[in-house]
């Protein structure tokens, strides 16, 4: 009877020790982050301001040993940008529905706000130091991002337009219903189609053990786009004459448009982000020492 009680005690003790004998084969991770998150516009004129955004995702880290692993996941990230052009002029041939003419425009104070949502797929090398309650970690690798929603909002406080008819050698500055004159507070919104983004990514931080198998990670991250995510022709005019409704102008994005030297306003555009990251990690793994404990218990029982 005493032997049986002792064996039961050893079995309970071995269960209590299991948490210290877990070799973590992997971790399921849920995370959130935020900070600077923007579509960087390399401009030929004007001013670009970074925006802010948040991100969140899930992932899995497979460990090759206690210090090295590989991470794969999926995340949703938002990006925002603000573009300001102090002034811009342009001219091009079009048609008023009957006669061809040269449409001329000059605008001041143009602002474009860009907003985007990407689904990113990270593939990262995961490194961590040894430690019981606190570990230092770093993640290095890359992401590719799929744009699922991209739009822009344009505002032009002041726009002056005219039409030059070469056949009559006449430039018209009115009437307004033909789209000629001075217009104020023009507002336009539309979608923008972008390509897949490839990004280099890095993250560093601390990993805190809350209890066995559950960790909270706090860190800093940075993502940097490696490719131009708009590689189509950039030859649109910023202000589009609408022959069906001449007083209702359509405003193209600066990403697709040219300046008054017929050069792209945006040389290239790509995502950049950086900020804080909060991760919740749930360990998965096998028990080390389980067979040793069982064999030791059986040997004692057989005595």
C-alpha atoms as a PDB file:
ATOM      1  CA  UNK A   1       0.000   0.000   0.000  1.00  0.00           C
ATOM      2  CA  UNK A   2       2.808   2.393   0.924  1.00  0.00           C
ATOM      3  CA  UNK A   3       4.587   1.525  -2.308  1.00  0.00           C
ATOM      4  CA  UNK A   4       1.463   2.307  -4.321  1.00  0.00           C
ATOM      5  CA  UNK A   5       1.043   5.636  -2.555  1.00  0.00           C
ATOM      6  CA  UNK A   6       4.671   6.461  -3.256  1.00  0.00           C
ATOM      7  CA  UNK A   7       4.291   5.554  -6.917  1.00  0.00           C
ATOM      8  CA  UNK A   8       1.192   7.782  -7.129  1.00  0.00           C
ATOM      9  CA  UNK A   9       3.169  10.612  -5.537  1.00  0.00           C
ATOM     10  CA  UNK A  10       5.957  10.178  -8.107  1.00  0.00           C
ATOM     11  CA  UNK A  11       3.425  10.195 -10.932  1.00  0.00           C
ATOM     12  CA  UNK A  12       1.864  13.463  -9.695  1.00  0.00           C
ATOM     13  CA  UNK A  13       5.310  14.954  -9.265  1.00  0.00           C
ATOM     14  CA  UNK A  14       6.258  13.983 -12.802  1.00  0.00           C
ATOM     15  CA  UNK A  15       3.118  15.728 -14.122  1.00  0.00           C
ATOM     16  CA  UNK A  16       3.987  18.842 -12.179  1.00  0.00           C
ATOM     17  CA  UNK A  17       7.440  18.787 -13.723  1.00  0.00           C
ATOM     18  CA  UNK A  18       6.174  18.452 -17.271  1.00  0.00           C
ATOM     19  CA  UNK A  19       5.961  22.211 -17.808  1.00  0.00           C
ATOM     20  CA  UNK A  20       9.664  22.464 -17.100  1.00  0.00           C
ATOM     21  CA  UNK A  21      10.332  19.605 -19.526  1.00  0.00           C
ATOM     22  CA  UNK A  22       8.486  20.977 -22.545  1.00  0.00           C
ATOM     23  CA  UNK A  23      10.512  21.380 -25.677  1.00  0.00           C
ATOM     24  CA  UNK A  24       8.527  24.000 -27.561  1.00  0.00           C
ATOM     25  CA  UNK A  25       8.280  22.772 -31.125  1.00  0.00           C
ATOM     26  CA  UNK A  26       6.298  25.824 -32.124  1.00  0.00           C
ATOM     27  CA  UNK A  27       4.098  28.728 -31.178  1.00  0.00           C
ATOM     28  CA  UNK A  28       0.738  29.939 -32.406  1.00  0.00           C
ATOM     29  CA  UNK A  29       0.819  33.736 -32.393  1.00  0.00           C
ATOM     30  CA  UNK A  30      -1.832  36.450 -32.436  1.00  0.00           C
ATOM     31  CA  UNK A  31      -0.495  39.979 -32.781  1.00  0.00           C
ATOM     32  CA  UNK A  32      -1.358  43.637 -33.195  1.00  0.00           C
ATOM     33  CA  UNK A  33       0.732  46.647 -34.123  1.00  0.00           C
ATOM     34  CA  UNK A  34       0.646  50.261 -35.110  1.00  0.00           C
ATOM     35  CA  UNK A  35       2.669  53.333 -35.939  1.00  0.00           C
ATOM     36  CA  UNK A  36       3.860  55.018 -39.102  1.00  0.00           C
ATOM     37  CA  UNK A  37       2.294  53.177 -42.025  1.00  0.00           C
ATOM     38  CA  UNK A  38       2.276  54.811 -45.406  1.00  0.00           C
ATOM     39  CA  UNK A  39       2.505  54.485 -49.164  1.00  0.00           C
ATOM     40  CA  UNK A  40       5.728  56.343 -49.838  1.00  0.00           C
ATOM     41  CA  UNK A  41       5.438  58.619 -52.884  1.00  0.00           C
ATOM     42  CA  UNK A  42       8.731  59.580 -54.520  1.00  0.00           C
ATOM     43  CA  UNK A  43       7.612  62.941 -55.949  1.00  0.00           C
ATOM     44  CA  UNK A  44       8.981  65.052 -58.773  1.00  0.00           C
ATOM     45  CA  UNK A  45       7.188  68.057 -57.248  1.00  0.00           C
ATOM     46  CA  UNK A  46       5.080  68.801 -54.199  1.00  0.00           C
ATOM     47  CA  UNK A  47       5.203  67.522 -50.639  1.00  0.00           C
ATOM     48  CA  UNK A  48       4.598  64.049 -49.241  1.00  0.00           C
ATOM     49  CA  UNK A  49       3.544  63.391 -45.617  1.00  0.00           C
ATOM     50  CA  UNK A  50       3.516  59.958 -44.009  1.00  0.00           C
ATOM     51  CA  UNK A  51       0.344  58.627 -42.456  1.00  0.00           C
ATOM     52  CA  UNK A  52      -0.416  56.223 -39.631  1.00  0.00           C
ATOM     53  CA  UNK A  53      -2.061  52.838 -39.533  1.00  0.00           C
ATOM     54  CA  UNK A  54      -2.626  49.663 -37.572  1.00  0.00           C
ATOM     55  CA  UNK A  55      -2.078  46.003 -38.370  1.00  0.00           C
ATOM     56  CA  UNK A  56      -3.002  42.636 -36.949  1.00  0.00           C
ATOM     57  CA  UNK A  57      -2.518  39.013 -37.818  1.00  0.00           C
ATOM     58  CA  UNK A  58      -1.952  35.410 -36.866  1.00  0.00           C
ATOM     59  CA  UNK A  59       1.057  33.207 -37.430  1.00  0.00           C
ATOM     60  CA  UNK A  60       2.962  30.111 -36.496  1.00  0.00           C
ATOM     61  CA  UNK A  61       6.618  29.761 -35.535  1.00  0.00           C
ATOM     62  CA  UNK A  62       8.284  26.378 -35.954  1.00  0.00           C
ATOM     63  CA  UNK A  63      11.403  25.935 -33.808  1.00  0.00           C
ATOM     64  CA  UNK A  64      14.405  23.946 -35.008  1.00  0.00           C
ATOM     65  CA  UNK A  65      15.939  24.280 -31.537  1.00  0.00           C
ATOM     66  CA  UNK A  66      15.491  26.512 -28.481  1.00  0.00           C
ATOM     67  CA  UNK A  67      16.969  29.534 -30.235  1.00  0.00           C
ATOM     68  CA  UNK A  68      16.122  29.288 -33.925  1.00  0.00           C
ATOM     69  CA  UNK A  69      12.825  29.038 -35.770  1.00  0.00           C
ATOM     70  CA  UNK A  70      10.927  30.110 -38.860  1.00  0.00           C
ATOM     71  CA  UNK A  71       7.703  32.136 -38.839  1.00  0.00           C
ATOM     72  CA  UNK A  72       4.872  32.155 -41.375  1.00  0.00           C
ATOM     73  CA  UNK A  73       1.621  34.072 -41.047  1.00  0.00           C
ATOM     74  CA  UNK A  74      -0.996  36.349 -42.526  1.00  0.00           C
ATOM     75  CA  UNK A  75      -1.780  39.910 -41.504  1.00  0.00           C
ATOM     76  CA  UNK A  76      -3.955  42.843 -42.484  1.00  0.00           C
ATOM     77  CA  UNK A  77      -2.264  46.257 -42.617  1.00  0.00           C
ATOM     78  CA  UNK A  78      -3.555  49.705 -43.419  1.00  0.00           C
ATOM     79  CA  UNK A  79      -1.577  52.550 -44.985  1.00  0.00           C
ATOM     80  CA  UNK A  80      -2.227  56.275 -45.388  1.00  0.00           C
ATOM     81  CA  UNK A  81      -0.477  59.105 -47.237  1.00  0.00           C
ATOM     82  CA  UNK A  82      -1.011  62.807 -47.838  1.00  0.00           C
ATOM     83  CA  UNK A  83       0.232  64.579 -50.994  1.00  0.00           C
ATOM     84  CA  UNK A  84       0.212  68.356 -51.475  1.00  0.00           C
ATOM     85  CA  UNK A  85       0.933  70.166 -54.742  1.00  0.00           C
ATOM     86  CA  UNK A  86       1.212  73.969 -54.353  1.00  0.00           C
ATOM     87  CA  UNK A  87       0.282  74.557 -58.000  1.00  0.00           C
ATOM     88  CA  UNK A  88       0.191  72.787 -61.338  1.00  0.00           C
ATOM     89  CA  UNK A  89      -0.633  73.695 -64.930  1.00  0.00           C
ATOM     90  CA  UNK A  90      -1.463  71.503 -67.880  1.00  0.00           C
ATOM     91  CA  UNK A  91      -2.791  71.450 -71.418  1.00  0.00           C
ATOM     92  CA  UNK A  92      -3.904  68.769 -73.830  1.00  0.00           C
ATOM     93  CA  UNK A  93      -6.148  68.198 -76.837  1.00  0.00           C
ATOM     94  CA  UNK A  94      -9.713  67.003 -76.280  1.00  0.00           C
ATOM     95  CA  UNK A  95     -13.191  67.478 -77.716  1.00  0.00           C
ATOM     96  CA  UNK A  96     -16.223  69.372 -76.454  1.00  0.00           C
ATOM     97  CA  UNK A  97     -18.564  66.919 -78.158  1.00  0.00           C
ATOM     98  CA  UNK A  98     -18.492  68.826 -81.450  1.00  0.00           C
ATOM     99  CA  UNK A  99     -15.179  70.574 -82.013  1.00  0.00           C
ATOM    100  CA  UNK A 100     -11.609  69.713 -80.984  1.00  0.00           C
ATOM    101  CA  UNK A 101      -9.798  72.184 -78.742  1.00  0.00           C
ATOM    102  CA  UNK A 102      -6.877  72.474 -76.345  1.00  0.00           C
ATOM    103  CA  UNK A 103      -7.995  72.294 -72.720  1.00  0.00           C
ATOM    104  CA  UNK A 104      -5.828  74.412 -70.415  1.00  0.00           C
ATOM    105  CA  UNK A 105      -5.902  74.465 -66.642  1.00  0.00           C
ATOM    106  CA  UNK A 106      -4.051  75.930 -63.674  1.00  0.00           C
ATOM    107  CA  UNK A 107      -4.775  74.802 -60.120  1.00  0.00           C
ATOM    108  CA  UNK A 108      -3.494  75.824 -56.691  1.00  0.00           C
ATOM    109  CA  UNK A 109      -3.512  74.038 -53.352  1.00  0.00           C
ATOM    110  CA  UNK A 110      -4.158  70.474 -54.529  1.00  0.00           C
ATOM    111  CA  UNK A 111      -4.298  67.812 -51.788  1.00  0.00           C
ATOM    112  CA  UNK A 112      -4.604  64.046 -52.265  1.00  0.00           C
ATOM    113  CA  UNK A 113      -5.211  61.598 -49.421  1.00  0.00           C
ATOM    114  CA  UNK A 114      -4.388  57.966 -50.156  1.00  0.00           C
ATOM    115  CA  UNK A 115      -5.703  55.041 -48.120  1.00  0.00           C
ATOM    116  CA  UNK A 116      -4.926  51.374 -48.631  1.00  0.00           C
ATOM    117  CA  UNK A 117      -5.501  47.990 -47.020  1.00  0.00           C
ATOM    118  CA  UNK A 118      -3.075  45.155 -47.762  1.00  0.00           C
ATOM    119  CA  UNK A 119      -3.102  41.487 -46.853  1.00  0.00           C
ATOM    120  CA  UNK A 120       0.542  40.690 -46.118  1.00  0.00           C
ATOM    121  CA  UNK A 121       2.177  37.254 -45.969  1.00  0.00           C
ATOM    122  CA  UNK A 122       5.323  37.340 -43.773  1.00  0.00           C
ATOM    123  CA  UNK A 123       8.076  34.722 -43.923  1.00  0.00           C
ATOM    124  CA  UNK A 124      10.583  35.434 -41.166  1.00  0.00           C
ATOM    125  CA  UNK A 125      13.592  33.883 -39.486  1.00  0.00           C
ATOM    126  CA  UNK A 126      13.019  33.878 -35.715  1.00  0.00           C
ATOM    127  CA  UNK A 127      15.926  34.104 -33.243  1.00  0.00           C
ATOM    128  CA  UNK A 128      15.653  34.194 -29.455  1.00  0.00           C
ATOM    129  CA  UNK A 129      18.054  34.049 -26.535  1.00  0.00           C
ATOM    130  CA  UNK A 130      17.850  31.572 -23.686  1.00  0.00           C
ATOM    131  CA  UNK A 131      15.997  32.559 -20.544  1.00  0.00           C
ATOM    132  CA  UNK A 132      13.276  31.517 -18.152  1.00  0.00           C
ATOM    133  CA  UNK A 133      11.095  34.587 -17.677  1.00  0.00           C
ATOM    134  CA  UNK A 134      12.452  37.022 -20.256  1.00  0.00           C
ATOM    135  CA  UNK A 135      14.119  36.536 -23.612  1.00  0.00           C
ATOM    136  CA  UNK A 136      15.369  38.849 -26.325  1.00  0.00           C
ATOM    137  CA  UNK A 137      14.082  38.039 -29.812  1.00  0.00           C
ATOM    138  CA  UNK A 138      14.621  39.254 -33.332  1.00  0.00           C
ATOM    139  CA  UNK A 139      12.850  38.473 -36.611  1.00  0.00           C
ATOM    140  CA  UNK A 140      14.391  38.958 -40.055  1.00  0.00           C
ATOM    141  CA  UNK A 141      12.859  38.250 -43.428  1.00  0.00           C
ATOM    142  CA  UNK A 142      10.335  39.543 -45.896  1.00  0.00           C
ATOM    143  CA  UNK A 143       6.685  39.961 -46.752  1.00  0.00           C
ATOM    144  CA  UNK A 144       4.661  40.146 -49.897  1.00  0.00           C
ATOM    145  CA  UNK A 145       1.549  42.273 -49.786  1.00  0.00           C
ATOM    146  CA  UNK A 146      -1.672  41.994 -51.752  1.00  0.00           C
ATOM    147  CA  UNK A 147      -3.600  45.287 -52.128  1.00  0.00           C
ATOM    148  CA  UNK A 148      -7.265  44.543 -51.423  1.00  0.00           C
ATOM    149  CA  UNK A 149      -8.572  48.120 -51.159  1.00  0.00           C
ATOM    150  CA  UNK A 150      -6.891  51.308 -52.364  1.00  0.00           C
ATOM    151  CA  UNK A 151      -8.584  54.664 -52.865  1.00  0.00           C
ATOM    152  CA  UNK A 152      -7.727  58.337 -52.968  1.00  0.00           C
ATOM    153  CA  UNK A 153      -9.530  61.570 -52.177  1.00  0.00           C
ATOM    154  CA  UNK A 154      -8.633  64.778 -54.013  1.00  0.00           C
ATOM    155  CA  UNK A 155      -9.414  68.403 -53.110  1.00  0.00           C
ATOM    156  CA  UNK A 156      -8.592  71.445 -55.246  1.00  0.00           C
ATOM    157  CA  UNK A 157      -9.415  74.809 -53.622  1.00  0.00           C
ATOM    158  CA  UNK A 158      -8.936  76.810 -56.825  1.00  0.00           C
ATOM    159  CA  UNK A 159      -9.000  75.805 -60.498  1.00  0.00           C
ATOM    160  CA  UNK A 160      -8.831  78.113 -63.535  1.00  0.00           C
ATOM    161  CA  UNK A 161      -9.617  76.623 -66.954  1.00  0.00           C
ATOM    162  CA  UNK A 162      -9.873  77.759 -70.555  1.00  0.00           C
ATOM    163  CA  UNK A 163     -10.245  76.295 -74.012  1.00  0.00           C
ATOM    164  CA  UNK A 164      -8.152  77.226 -77.027  1.00  0.00           C
ATOM    165  CA  UNK A 165      -9.756  76.608 -80.448  1.00  0.00           C
ATOM    166  CA  UNK A 166      -6.974  76.687 -83.017  1.00  0.00           C
ATOM    167  CA  UNK A 167      -9.390  76.676 -85.953  1.00  0.00           C
ATOM    168  CA  UNK A 168     -10.682  80.084 -84.841  1.00  0.00           C
ATOM    169  CA  UNK A 169      -7.534  81.249 -83.029  1.00  0.00           C
ATOM    170  CA  UNK A 170      -9.671  81.936 -79.961  1.00  0.00           C
ATOM    171  CA  UNK A 171      -9.230  81.120 -76.277  1.00  0.00           C
ATOM    172  CA  UNK A 172     -12.444  80.923 -74.248  1.00  0.00           C
ATOM    173  CA  UNK A 173     -12.404  81.693 -70.496  1.00  0.00           C
ATOM    174  CA  UNK A 174     -16.151  81.117 -70.132  1.00  0.00           C
ATOM    175  CA  UNK A 175     -18.971  80.029 -70.020  1.00  0.00           C
ATOM    176  CA  UNK A 176     -18.812  77.852 -66.918  1.00  0.00           C
ATOM    177  CA  UNK A 177     -21.290  75.309 -68.263  1.00  0.00           C
ATOM    178  CA  UNK A 178     -18.688  74.479 -70.943  1.00  0.00           C
ATOM    179  CA  UNK A 179     -16.067  73.927 -68.235  1.00  0.00           C
ATOM    180  CA  UNK A 180     -14.271  77.245 -68.715  1.00  0.00           C
ATOM    181  CA  UNK A 181     -13.733  79.782 -65.933  1.00  0.00           C
ATOM    182  CA  UNK A 182     -12.765  79.852 -62.267  1.00  0.00           C
ATOM    183  CA  UNK A 183     -13.927  77.008 -60.044  1.00  0.00           C
ATOM    184  CA  UNK A 184     -13.539  76.476 -56.307  1.00  0.00           C
ATOM    185  CA  UNK A 185     -13.520  73.567 -53.855  1.00  0.00           C
ATOM    186  CA  UNK A 186     -13.466  70.709 -56.313  1.00  0.00           C
ATOM    187  CA  UNK A 187     -13.720  67.313 -54.627  1.00  0.00           C
ATOM    188  CA  UNK A 188     -13.199  63.884 -56.155  1.00  0.00           C
ATOM    189  CA  UNK A 189     -12.793  60.291 -54.917  1.00  0.00           C
ATOM    190  CA  UNK A 190     -11.868  57.148 -56.805  1.00  0.00           C
ATOM    191  CA  UNK A 191     -10.146  53.780 -56.548  1.00  0.00           C
ATOM    192  CA  UNK A 192      -6.535  53.080 -57.473  1.00  0.00           C
ATOM    193  CA  UNK A 193      -5.191  49.745 -58.687  1.00  0.00           C
ATOM    194  CA  UNK A 194      -1.766  48.820 -57.329  1.00  0.00           C
ATOM    195  CA  UNK A 195       0.532  45.834 -57.828  1.00  0.00           C
ATOM    196  CA  UNK A 196       1.836  43.254 -55.358  1.00  0.00           C
ATOM    197  CA  UNK A 197       4.400  44.637 -52.909  1.00  0.00           C
ATOM    198  CA  UNK A 198       7.587  42.917 -51.792  1.00  0.00           C
ATOM    199  CA  UNK A 199       8.972  44.136 -48.472  1.00  0.00           C
ATOM    200  CA  UNK A 200      12.024  43.596 -46.293  1.00  0.00           C
ATOM    201  CA  UNK A 201      11.030  43.257 -42.652  1.00  0.00           C
ATOM    202  CA  UNK A 202      12.724  43.311 -39.254  1.00  0.00           C
ATOM    203  CA  UNK A 203      11.455  43.147 -35.680  1.00  0.00           C
ATOM    204  CA  UNK A 204      13.220  43.176 -32.314  1.00  0.00           C
ATOM    205  CA  UNK A 205      11.876  42.988 -28.787  1.00  0.00           C
ATOM    206  CA  UNK A 206      11.424  41.134 -25.522  1.00  0.00           C
ATOM    207  CA  UNK A 207       9.512  37.933 -24.889  1.00  0.00           C
ATOM    208  CA  UNK A 208       7.933  37.639 -21.444  1.00  0.00           C
ATOM    209  CA  UNK A 209       6.786  34.330 -19.960  1.00  0.00           C
ATOM    210  CA  UNK A 210       3.423  34.813 -18.247  1.00  0.00           C
ATOM    211  CA  UNK A 211       3.044  31.129 -17.406  1.00  0.00           C
ATOM    212  CA  UNK A 212       4.299  27.919 -18.946  1.00  0.00           C
ATOM    213  CA  UNK A 213       3.346  27.839 -22.589  1.00  0.00           C
ATOM    214  CA  UNK A 214       2.042  31.424 -22.759  1.00  0.00           C
ATOM    215  CA  UNK A 215       4.161  34.465 -23.626  1.00  0.00           C
ATOM    216  CA  UNK A 216       3.677  38.131 -24.349  1.00  0.00           C
ATOM    217  CA  UNK A 217       6.108  39.759 -26.762  1.00  0.00           C
ATOM    218  CA  UNK A 218       6.668  43.508 -27.003  1.00  0.00           C
ATOM    219  CA  UNK A 219       8.776  44.850 -29.822  1.00  0.00           C
ATOM    220  CA  UNK A 220       9.596  47.333 -32.551  1.00  0.00           C
ATOM    221  CA  UNK A 221       9.101  46.541 -36.227  1.00  0.00           C
ATOM    222  CA  UNK A 222       9.954  48.062 -39.598  1.00  0.00           C
ATOM    223  CA  UNK A 223       8.849  47.138 -43.127  1.00  0.00           C
ATOM    224  CA  UNK A 224      10.319  48.659 -46.297  1.00  0.00           C
ATOM    225  CA  UNK A 225       8.966  48.149 -49.806  1.00  0.00           C
ATOM    226  CA  UNK A 226      11.428  46.931 -52.424  1.00  0.00           C
ATOM    227  CA  UNK A 227       9.473  47.509 -55.634  1.00  0.00           C
ATOM    228  CA  UNK A 228       7.342  50.134 -57.346  1.00  0.00           C
ATOM    229  CA  UNK A 229       3.770  48.968 -56.866  1.00  0.00           C
ATOM    230  CA  UNK A 230       2.414  51.015 -59.777  1.00  0.00           C
ATOM    231  CA  UNK A 231       4.248  50.024 -62.959  1.00  0.00           C
ATOM    232  CA  UNK A 232       1.598  50.944 -65.524  1.00  0.00           C
ATOM    233  CA  UNK A 233       1.918  53.988 -67.784  1.00  0.00           C
ATOM    234  CA  UNK A 234       1.999  57.259 -65.865  1.00  0.00           C
ATOM    235  CA  UNK A 235       0.703  59.671 -68.501  1.00  0.00           C
ATOM    236  CA  UNK A 236      -2.703  60.848 -67.259  1.00  0.00           C
ATOM    237  CA  UNK A 237      -3.574  64.507 -66.922  1.00  0.00           C
ATOM    238  CA  UNK A 238      -4.434  65.420 -63.364  1.00  0.00           C
ATOM    239  CA  UNK A 239      -7.600  67.335 -64.340  1.00  0.00           C
ATOM    240  CA  UNK A 240      -9.842  65.544 -66.844  1.00  0.00           C
ATOM    241  CA  UNK A 241     -12.266  67.429 -69.072  1.00  0.00           C
ATOM    242  CA  UNK A 242     -15.666  65.719 -69.163  1.00  0.00           C
ATOM    243  CA  UNK A 243     -17.435  66.469 -72.438  1.00  0.00           C
ATOM    244  CA  UNK A 244     -20.677  64.904 -71.156  1.00  0.00           C
ATOM    245  CA  UNK A 245     -20.763  67.234 -68.149  1.00  0.00           C
ATOM    246  CA  UNK A 246     -18.018  69.860 -68.647  1.00  0.00           C
ATOM    247  CA  UNK A 247     -18.420  71.563 -65.268  1.00  0.00           C
ATOM    248  CA  UNK A 248     -17.914  68.255 -63.429  1.00  0.00           C
ATOM    249  CA  UNK A 249     -14.180  67.615 -63.554  1.00  0.00           C
ATOM    250  CA  UNK A 250     -12.647  64.242 -62.826  1.00  0.00           C
ATOM    251  CA  UNK A 251      -9.397  64.336 -60.880  1.00  0.00           C
ATOM    252  CA  UNK A 252      -6.854  61.592 -61.490  1.00  0.00           C
ATOM    253  CA  UNK A 253      -4.452  60.426 -58.816  1.00  0.00           C
ATOM    254  CA  UNK A 254      -0.990  61.957 -58.697  1.00  0.00           C
ATOM    255  CA  UNK A 255       0.296  58.371 -58.944  1.00  0.00           C
ATOM    256  CA  UNK A 256      -0.935  58.063 -62.548  1.00  0.00           C
ATOM    257  CA  UNK A 257      -0.485  61.701 -63.655  1.00  0.00           C
ATOM    258  CA  UNK A 258       2.171  63.882 -65.257  1.00  0.00           C
ATOM    259  CA  UNK A 259       3.446  67.337 -64.347  1.00  0.00           C
ATOM    260  CA  UNK A 260       3.713  70.367 -66.639  1.00  0.00           C
ATOM    261  CA  UNK A 261       6.986  68.972 -68.075  1.00  0.00           C
ATOM    262  CA  UNK A 262       5.148  65.785 -69.077  1.00  0.00           C
ATOM    263  CA  UNK A 263       7.075  63.795 -66.469  1.00  0.00           C
ATOM    264  CA  UNK A 264       5.442  61.522 -63.858  1.00  0.00           C
ATOM    265  CA  UNK A 265       4.475  63.358 -60.673  1.00  0.00           C
ATOM    266  CA  UNK A 266       5.236  60.180 -58.699  1.00  0.00           C
ATOM    267  CA  UNK A 267       8.424  58.432 -59.788  1.00  0.00           C
ATOM    268  CA  UNK A 268       7.612  55.357 -57.705  1.00  0.00           C
ATOM    269  CA  UNK A 269       5.357  54.317 -54.838  1.00  0.00           C
ATOM    270  CA  UNK A 270       5.880  51.586 -52.245  1.00  0.00           C
ATOM    271  CA  UNK A 271       4.757  50.746 -48.677  1.00  0.00           C
ATOM    272  CA  UNK A 272       6.792  51.648 -45.601  1.00  0.00           C
ATOM    273  CA  UNK A 273       5.843  51.162 -41.966  1.00  0.00           C
ATOM    274  CA  UNK A 274       7.314  51.033 -38.494  1.00  0.00           C
ATOM    275  CA  UNK A 275       6.159  51.117 -34.910  1.00  0.00           C
ATOM    276  CA  UNK A 276       5.186  48.950 -31.969  1.00  0.00           C
ATOM    277  CA  UNK A 277       4.161  45.296 -32.023  1.00  0.00           C
ATOM    278  CA  UNK A 278       2.342  43.291 -29.331  1.00  0.00           C
ATOM    279  CA  UNK A 279       2.283  39.493 -29.671  1.00  0.00           C
ATOM    280  CA  UNK A 280       0.500  36.773 -27.709  1.00  0.00           C
ATOM    281  CA  UNK A 281       2.236  33.408 -28.106  1.00  0.00           C
ATOM    282  CA  UNK A 282       0.809  29.993 -27.265  1.00  0.00           C
ATOM    283  CA  UNK A 283       3.395  27.215 -27.220  1.00  0.00           C
ATOM    284  CA  UNK A 284       2.963  23.800 -28.774  1.00  0.00           C
ATOM    285  CA  UNK A 285       5.439  20.941 -28.217  1.00  0.00           C
ATOM    286  CA  UNK A 286       6.336  17.471 -27.028  1.00  0.00           C
ATOM    287  CA  UNK A 287       7.224  16.393 -23.532  1.00  0.00           C
ATOM    288  CA  UNK A 288      10.861  15.626 -22.923  1.00  0.00           C
ATOM    289  CA  UNK A 289      11.692  13.181 -20.233  1.00  0.00           C
ATOM    290  CA  UNK A 290       8.257  11.552 -20.211  1.00  0.00           C
ATOM    291  CA  UNK A 291       9.642   8.132 -21.160  1.00  0.00           C
ATOM    292  CA  UNK A 292      12.485   8.487 -18.668  1.00  0.00           C
ATOM    293  CA  UNK A 293      10.007   9.222 -15.882  1.00  0.00           C
ATOM    294  CA  UNK A 294       7.797   6.309 -16.806  1.00  0.00           C
ATOM    295  CA  UNK A 295      10.696   3.836 -17.023  1.00  0.00           C
ATOM    296  CA  UNK A 296      12.079   5.023 -13.666  1.00  0.00           C
ATOM    297  CA  UNK A 297       8.647   4.574 -12.076  1.00  0.00           C
ATOM    298  CA  UNK A 298       8.209   1.088 -13.532  1.00  0.00           C
ATOM    299  CA  UNK A 299      11.668   0.025 -12.407  1.00  0.00           C
ATOM    300  CA  UNK A 300      10.864   1.134  -8.852  1.00  0.00           C
ATOM    301  CA  UNK A 301       7.551  -0.701  -8.924  1.00  0.00           C
ATOM    302  CA  UNK A 302       9.226  -3.904 -10.122  1.00  0.00           C
ATOM    303  CA  UNK A 303      11.572  -3.946  -7.121  1.00  0.00           C
END
